[in-house]
Amino acid sequence: MTVKRATECLWMGPLVLLLACGPQAGSGTADAVPAAEVSAPVQAGAIAPAELVGQMSDHAWAGQVDQAQTLIESQRAQHDTASPDWLLAASWLGRGASFEGQWDVAEQYAREAFEGSQALLDTHDLAGNRSLELALGAGVEVLGQAMDAGGDRDGAVTFLTAQREAYRNTPVETRIQKNVMLLSLEGQPFPTLDVEEYVGEPLPPAESLDGKVVVAFFWAHWCPDCKRQVPVLEQLHEEYGDQIAILGPTQLYGYTTRGQDATPEQELAYLRGPYQERFPIPSFMSVPVSQQNFLDFGVSTTPTLVVIDTDGIVRLYNPGDMPYDELQPHIERLVS
């Protein structure tokens, strides 16, 4: 399966940060580069840590692996290479090399980011350090991808599964699980969804889905890419009717409009009321609400789309939105 460089929407806390990080600049957020934290003074001739991270990110998305490697090595002697910002810069080179299939380079810098991040965890709080979180997450991700690219998918899944367990209940758990799903979910039975609450109609019973193609649309109320996906789902529903079923799992984020803090009860009331009035949730789409679904399906990217065939087998796992002309052929093939 080819992993698309989707523009990712990630929850960043009370505010959603927009970052041009892929082909659809500004439409969502993906591994947003944080502001530099307080660090030791930079030596003369060195690029400031935040600027180095930004330049490495730009090179990664532009596919400029050689330029990125030249830049980071020219800066190595002038920086604290054990710092979270340096490790984040290295992780961007690992990601950029993975985009271009340069797996030796990708593995080298992903391992530097991964092992360096692990060494810092005795003295740094992962939940409170965005640079460290992103460096560790990217390091794990690219190392798993490199194993898979080298022909060892089983080893990659084993490695990623072990890392999810090691970092359970931390900010990187969902991202790691996404990579497990990318390598292992397709061709497997669709797991049962967890339902803590729901918006709109209750989740239909499993037997009512027999013989239907099912689309699971994991979304977030703050996500602009998700809002763009809804009309595509409405078009599919109009075209295929009862031949398909569309489910819309979401989770609570602790806030409502404009980052206003909210209790679970207040956020549910917002989804069922003001949000529904402004961005109507399709009546044909049941919306189970549960954080566990997002953890188990690795939904660090919103939307994430999962397509299940008439026998309940997953045929597509896609982090990121999909236009109609990309999603419809998957549905048509399974319906036919």
Protein backbone atom coordinates (compact mmCIF):
# COMPACT_ATOMS: atom_id res chain seq x y z
CA MET A 1 0.00 0.00 0.00
CA THR A 2 1.30 3.44 -0.85
CA VAL A 3 1.12 5.92 2.02
CA LYS A 4 -0.20 9.26 0.77
CA ARG A 5 1.46 12.42 2.02
CA ALA A 6 -1.87 13.58 3.38
CA THR A 7 -2.26 16.92 5.05
CA GLU A 8 -2.94 15.87 8.60
CA CYS A 9 -5.26 17.48 11.12
CA LEU A 10 -3.86 16.88 14.58
CA TRP A 11 -5.34 18.01 17.86
CA MET A 12 -2.93 20.51 19.32
CA GLY A 13 -4.83 21.44 22.50
CA PRO A 14 -7.33 24.28 22.81
CA LEU A 15 -6.23 25.83 19.53
CA VAL A 16 -5.88 24.29 16.10
CA LEU A 17 -2.63 25.31 14.49
CA LEU A 18 -2.52 25.54 10.70
CA LEU A 19 0.75 24.65 9.02
CA ALA A 20 1.62 24.35 5.37
CA CYS A 21 3.03 20.83 5.51
CA GLY A 22 2.02 19.16 2.30
CA PRO A 23 0.39 19.56 -1.06
CA GLN A 24 -2.69 21.26 0.41
CA ALA A 25 -1.07 24.04 2.34
CA GLY A 26 -3.07 25.56 5.14
CA SER A 27 -5.94 23.05 5.04
CA GLY A 28 -4.95 21.23 8.20
CA THR A 29 -2.06 20.58 10.54
CA ALA A 30 0.63 17.94 10.47
CA ASP A 31 3.43 17.66 12.98
CA ALA A 32 3.41 21.41 13.43
CA VAL A 33 6.86 22.78 14.17
CA PRO A 34 6.75 24.22 17.67
CA ALA A 35 8.40 27.38 18.83
CA ALA A 36 11.88 26.72 20.13
CA GLU A 37 12.19 26.14 23.84
CA VAL A 38 14.80 27.85 25.97
CA SER A 39 18.19 26.35 25.15
CA ALA A 40 21.88 27.13 25.34
CA PRO A 41 23.17 30.06 23.28
CA VAL A 42 23.90 29.16 19.66
CA GLN A 43 27.51 29.43 18.52
CA ALA A 44 28.53 31.94 15.89
CA GLY A 45 27.60 30.73 12.43
CA ALA A 46 24.95 28.38 13.71
CA ILE A 47 21.34 28.58 12.62
CA ALA A 48 18.92 29.09 15.50
CA PRO A 49 17.24 25.82 16.51
CA ALA A 50 13.74 26.85 15.43
CA GLU A 51 15.06 28.05 12.07
CA LEU A 52 16.97 24.81 11.55
CA VAL A 53 13.83 22.78 12.26
CA GLY A 54 11.85 24.94 9.83
CA GLN A 55 14.41 24.59 7.07
CA MET A 56 14.62 20.81 7.54
CA SER A 57 10.83 20.60 7.34
CA ASP A 58 10.80 22.65 4.14
CA HIS A 59 13.48 20.43 2.57
CA ALA A 60 11.56 17.30 3.59
CA TRP A 61 8.32 18.34 1.91
CA ALA A 62 10.23 19.57 -1.16
CA GLY A 63 12.00 16.21 -1.53
CA GLN A 64 15.42 17.86 -1.13
CA VAL A 65 17.19 15.10 0.75
CA ASP A 66 20.76 15.96 -0.29
CA GLN A 67 20.32 19.63 0.60
CA ALA A 68 18.82 18.70 3.96
CA GLN A 69 21.66 16.31 4.78
CA THR A 70 24.28 18.88 3.80
CA LEU A 71 22.58 21.48 5.98
CA ILE A 72 22.23 19.38 9.11
CA GLU A 73 25.77 18.04 8.94
CA SER A 74 27.14 21.56 8.48
CA GLN A 75 25.36 22.51 11.70
CA ARG A 76 26.17 19.42 13.79
CA ALA A 77 29.31 20.76 15.47
CA GLN A 78 27.57 23.99 16.43
CA HIS A 79 24.51 22.58 18.21
CA ASP A 80 23.63 20.46 21.20
CA THR A 81 22.82 17.26 19.35
CA ALA A 82 21.11 15.84 22.42
CA SER A 83 18.53 18.64 22.49
CA PRO A 84 14.89 18.06 21.52
CA ASP A 85 15.10 20.66 18.75
CA TRP A 86 18.12 19.00 17.15
CA LEU A 87 16.43 15.61 17.31
CA LEU A 88 13.32 17.09 15.72
CA ALA A 89 15.45 18.51 12.89
CA ALA A 90 17.03 15.07 12.38
CA SER A 91 13.61 13.44 12.36
CA TRP A 92 12.51 15.73 9.53
CA LEU A 93 15.44 14.50 7.45
CA GLY A 94 14.40 10.93 8.24
CA ARG A 95 10.87 11.66 7.08
CA GLY A 96 11.99 13.53 3.97
CA ALA A 97 14.26 10.66 2.95
CA SER A 98 11.40 8.20 3.51
CA PHE A 99 9.17 10.24 1.18
CA GLU A 100 11.80 9.80 -1.54
CA GLY A 101 12.52 6.14 -0.84
CA GLN A 102 16.10 6.83 0.30
CA TRP A 103 15.85 4.31 3.07
CA ASP A 104 19.50 4.24 4.20
CA VAL A 105 19.36 7.97 4.91
CA ALA A 106 15.88 7.70 6.38
CA GLU A 107 16.89 4.97 8.81
CA GLN A 108 20.10 6.76 9.84
CA TYR A 109 18.40 9.97 10.92
CA ALA A 110 15.24 8.30 12.23
CA ARG A 111 17.41 6.18 14.49
CA GLU A 112 19.26 9.26 15.70
CA ALA A 113 15.92 10.90 16.53
CA PHE A 114 14.52 7.75 18.14
CA GLU A 115 17.50 6.81 20.29
CA GLY A 116 18.25 10.42 21.21
CA SER A 117 14.64 10.95 22.29
CA GLN A 118 14.67 7.80 24.39
CA ALA A 119 17.81 9.03 26.16
CA LEU A 120 16.07 12.27 27.12
CA LEU A 121 12.97 10.71 28.65
CA ASP A 122 14.60 10.31 32.07
CA THR A 123 14.87 14.08 32.37
CA HIS A 124 12.15 15.41 30.04
CA ASP A 125 8.39 15.10 30.18
CA LEU A 126 7.17 13.81 26.84
CA ALA A 127 3.71 15.29 27.36
CA GLY A 128 5.14 18.74 27.97
CA ASN A 129 7.70 18.93 25.19
CA ARG A 130 6.29 19.12 21.67
CA SER A 131 9.70 18.92 19.97
CA LEU A 132 10.57 15.74 21.83
CA GLU A 133 7.13 14.25 21.14
CA LEU A 134 7.42 14.86 17.40
CA ALA A 135 11.02 13.64 17.21
CA LEU A 136 10.21 10.39 19.00
CA GLY A 137 7.01 9.81 17.02
CA ALA A 138 8.72 10.41 13.68
CA GLY A 139 11.67 8.24 14.66
CA VAL A 140 9.42 5.30 15.47
CA GLU A 141 7.31 5.86 12.37
CA VAL A 142 10.19 5.98 9.89
CA LEU A 143 12.05 3.05 11.44
CA GLY A 144 8.92 0.94 11.02
CA GLN A 145 8.50 2.12 7.44
CA ALA A 146 12.15 1.33 6.70
CA MET A 147 11.72 -2.23 7.95
CA ASP A 148 8.67 -2.65 5.76
CA ALA A 149 10.44 -1.16 2.74
CA GLY A 150 13.25 -3.66 3.31
CA GLY A 151 10.79 -6.56 3.03
CA ASP A 152 10.27 -7.23 6.73
CA ARG A 153 6.63 -6.26 7.26
CA ASP A 154 6.17 -8.69 10.12
CA GLY A 155 9.21 -7.25 11.85
CA ALA A 156 7.91 -3.73 11.27
CA VAL A 157 4.52 -4.55 12.80
CA THR A 158 6.20 -6.27 15.76
CA PHE A 159 8.46 -3.26 16.33
CA LEU A 160 5.63 -0.74 16.06
CA THR A 161 3.32 -2.78 18.28
CA ALA A 162 6.04 -2.97 20.94
CA GLN A 163 6.56 0.79 20.73
CA ARG A 164 2.84 1.43 21.13
CA GLU A 165 2.91 -0.66 24.28
CA ALA A 166 6.03 1.14 25.53
CA TYR A 167 4.41 4.55 25.00
CA ARG A 168 0.83 3.69 25.92
CA ASN A 169 -1.06 6.67 27.37
CA THR A 170 1.47 9.14 26.00
CA PRO A 171 1.03 11.70 23.19
CA VAL A 172 2.75 9.41 20.64
CA GLU A 173 0.56 6.32 21.15
CA THR A 174 -2.03 7.18 18.51
CA ARG A 175 0.58 8.08 15.90
CA ILE A 176 2.39 4.80 16.44
CA GLN A 177 -0.87 2.85 16.19
CA LYS A 178 -1.65 4.60 12.90
CA ASN A 179 1.49 3.06 11.46
CA VAL A 180 0.53 -0.36 12.82
CA MET A 181 -2.81 0.00 11.05
CA LEU A 182 -1.21 1.12 7.78
CA LEU A 183 0.79 -2.11 7.67
CA SER A 184 -1.69 -4.59 9.10
CA LEU A 185 -5.36 -3.57 8.99
CA GLU A 186 -6.18 -4.10 5.32
CA GLY A 187 -7.34 -7.65 4.70
CA GLN A 188 -8.41 -8.11 8.33
CA PRO A 189 -11.92 -8.11 9.82
CA PHE A 190 -13.10 -4.68 10.87
CA PRO A 191 -12.84 -4.44 14.67
CA THR A 192 -15.92 -3.64 16.70
CA LEU A 193 -16.38 0.06 17.40
CA ASP A 194 -16.54 1.25 20.99
CA VAL A 195 -19.55 3.43 21.84
CA GLU A 196 -19.50 5.63 24.93
CA GLU A 197 -21.98 8.20 23.59
CA TYR A 198 -23.42 8.98 20.18
CA VAL A 199 -24.68 11.91 18.16
CA GLY A 200 -27.74 11.45 15.96
CA GLU A 201 -29.00 7.93 15.40
CA PRO A 202 -27.55 5.06 17.48
CA LEU A 203 -24.95 2.82 15.85
CA PRO A 204 -26.81 0.27 13.70
CA PRO A 205 -26.66 -3.38 14.82
CA ALA A 206 -23.95 -5.43 13.17
CA GLU A 207 -26.40 -7.71 11.40
CA SER A 208 -27.97 -4.75 9.60
CA LEU A 209 -24.61 -4.11 7.92
CA ASP A 210 -24.32 -7.62 6.44
CA GLY A 211 -23.99 -7.45 2.67
CA LYS A 212 -23.26 -3.71 2.67
CA VAL A 213 -20.06 -1.83 1.93
CA VAL A 214 -19.26 0.22 5.03
CA VAL A 215 -17.32 3.48 5.13
CA ALA A 216 -16.01 4.52 8.56
CA PHE A 217 -15.26 8.24 8.58
CA PHE A 218 -13.21 9.23 11.64
CA TRP A 219 -13.52 12.98 12.10
CA ALA A 220 -13.15 15.90 14.50
CA HIS A 221 -15.39 18.91 14.94
CA TRP A 222 -12.47 21.35 14.63
CA CYS A 223 -11.04 19.79 11.44
CA PRO A 224 -11.45 21.70 8.15
CA ASP A 225 -10.48 18.67 6.06
CA CYS A 226 -13.32 16.73 7.69
CA LYS A 227 -15.85 19.36 6.68
CA ARG A 228 -14.58 19.10 3.11
CA GLN A 229 -15.06 15.32 3.20
CA VAL A 230 -18.74 15.37 4.22
CA PRO A 231 -20.10 16.41 0.77
CA VAL A 232 -18.17 13.51 -0.78
CA LEU A 233 -19.89 11.10 1.62
CA GLU A 234 -23.26 12.67 0.86
CA GLN A 235 -22.63 12.17 -2.86
CA LEU A 236 -21.74 8.51 -2.28
CA HIS A 237 -24.87 7.99 -0.20
CA GLU A 238 -27.02 9.53 -2.91
CA GLU A 239 -25.39 7.33 -5.56
CA TYR A 240 -25.40 3.98 -3.75
CA GLY A 241 -28.24 4.31 -1.23
CA ASP A 242 -28.77 1.21 0.90
CA GLN A 243 -25.87 -0.62 -0.76
CA ILE A 244 -23.52 1.24 1.56
CA ALA A 245 -23.51 2.33 5.20
CA ILE A 246 -21.53 5.32 6.43
CA LEU A 247 -20.44 5.58 10.07
CA GLY A 248 -18.85 8.69 11.56
CA PRO A 249 -16.85 7.93 14.72
CA THR A 250 -15.51 10.95 16.58
CA GLN A 251 -14.15 11.74 20.03
CA LEU A 252 -14.28 14.58 22.53
CA TYR A 253 -11.44 17.09 22.68
CA GLY A 254 -12.27 19.12 25.76
CA TYR A 255 -13.30 22.28 23.98
CA THR A 256 -15.89 23.70 21.63
CA THR A 257 -15.89 26.64 19.25
CA ARG A 258 -12.83 28.93 19.26
CA GLY A 259 -11.05 26.73 21.77
CA GLN A 260 -13.50 27.35 24.61
CA ASP A 261 -12.92 24.77 27.36
CA ALA A 262 -15.81 22.37 27.81
CA THR A 263 -16.78 19.42 29.98
CA PRO A 264 -17.79 16.22 28.16
CA GLU A 265 -21.44 17.09 28.74
CA GLN A 266 -20.96 20.58 27.31
CA GLU A 267 -19.04 19.31 24.29
CA LEU A 268 -21.70 16.70 23.52
CA ALA A 269 -24.38 19.38 23.81
CA TYR A 270 -22.35 21.54 21.41
CA LEU A 271 -22.12 18.71 18.86
CA ARG A 272 -25.84 17.99 19.12
CA GLY A 273 -26.82 21.66 19.00
CA PRO A 274 -24.76 24.64 17.75
CA TYR A 275 -22.32 22.53 15.73
CA GLN A 276 -25.12 20.53 14.11
CA GLU A 277 -26.92 23.74 13.18
CA ARG A 278 -23.86 25.21 11.49
CA PHE A 279 -22.35 22.03 10.02
CA PRO A 280 -25.21 19.52 9.72
CA ILE A 281 -24.19 15.94 10.38
CA PRO A 282 -25.88 13.79 7.67
CA SER A 283 -28.96 12.03 8.98
CA PHE A 284 -27.80 8.75 7.44
CA MET A 285 -24.55 8.76 9.46
CA SER A 286 -24.47 7.43 13.01
CA VAL A 287 -21.76 9.10 15.11
CA PRO A 288 -20.37 6.96 17.95
CA VAL A 289 -18.27 9.03 20.35
CA SER A 290 -15.26 7.35 21.97
CA GLN A 291 -11.59 8.11 22.49
CA GLN A 292 -10.82 4.38 22.43
CA ASN A 293 -11.75 4.12 18.75
CA PHE A 294 -9.22 6.81 17.88
CA LEU A 295 -6.51 5.04 19.86
CA ASP A 296 -7.26 1.59 18.46
CA PHE A 297 -7.52 2.78 14.85
CA GLY A 298 -4.51 5.10 15.15
CA VAL A 299 -6.44 8.21 14.19
CA SER A 300 -3.75 10.85 14.57
CA THR A 301 -4.84 12.18 11.17
CA THR A 302 -8.35 13.51 10.65
CA PRO A 303 -10.20 12.54 8.71
CA THR A 304 -9.22 8.89 8.48
CA LEU A 305 -11.29 6.75 6.12
CA VAL A 306 -11.73 2.99 6.42
CA VAL A 307 -13.61 1.05 3.74
CA ILE A 308 -14.99 -2.40 4.62
CA ASP A 309 -16.32 -4.92 2.10
CA THR A 310 -19.61 -6.82 2.24
CA ASP A 311 -17.97 -9.61 4.26
CA GLY A 312 -16.70 -7.21 6.94
CA ILE A 313 -13.07 -7.20 5.72
CA VAL A 314 -11.10 -3.94 5.64
CA ARG A 315 -10.08 -3.06 2.08
CA LEU A 316 -8.80 0.49 2.58
CA TYR A 317 -7.23 2.38 5.48
CA ASN A 318 -6.51 5.96 4.49
CA PRO A 319 -5.26 8.67 6.87
CA GLY A 320 -6.35 11.92 5.22
CA ASP A 321 -9.28 13.14 3.19
CA MET A 322 -10.13 11.68 -0.23
CA PRO A 323 -11.90 13.46 -3.09
CA TYR A 324 -14.83 11.74 -4.73
CA ASP A 325 -12.87 10.55 -7.77
CA GLU A 326 -10.41 8.72 -5.50
CA LEU A 327 -12.85 7.23 -3.01
CA GLN A 328 -15.69 6.27 -5.37
CA PRO A 329 -13.72 3.60 -7.33
CA HIS A 330 -13.09 1.71 -4.08
CA ILE A 331 -16.81 1.71 -3.32
CA GLU A 332 -17.78 0.79 -6.88
CA ARG A 333 -15.42 -2.16 -6.96
CA LEU A 334 -16.77 -3.57 -3.71
CA VAL A 335 -20.43 -2.95 -4.56
CA SER A 336 -19.99 -4.61 -7.94
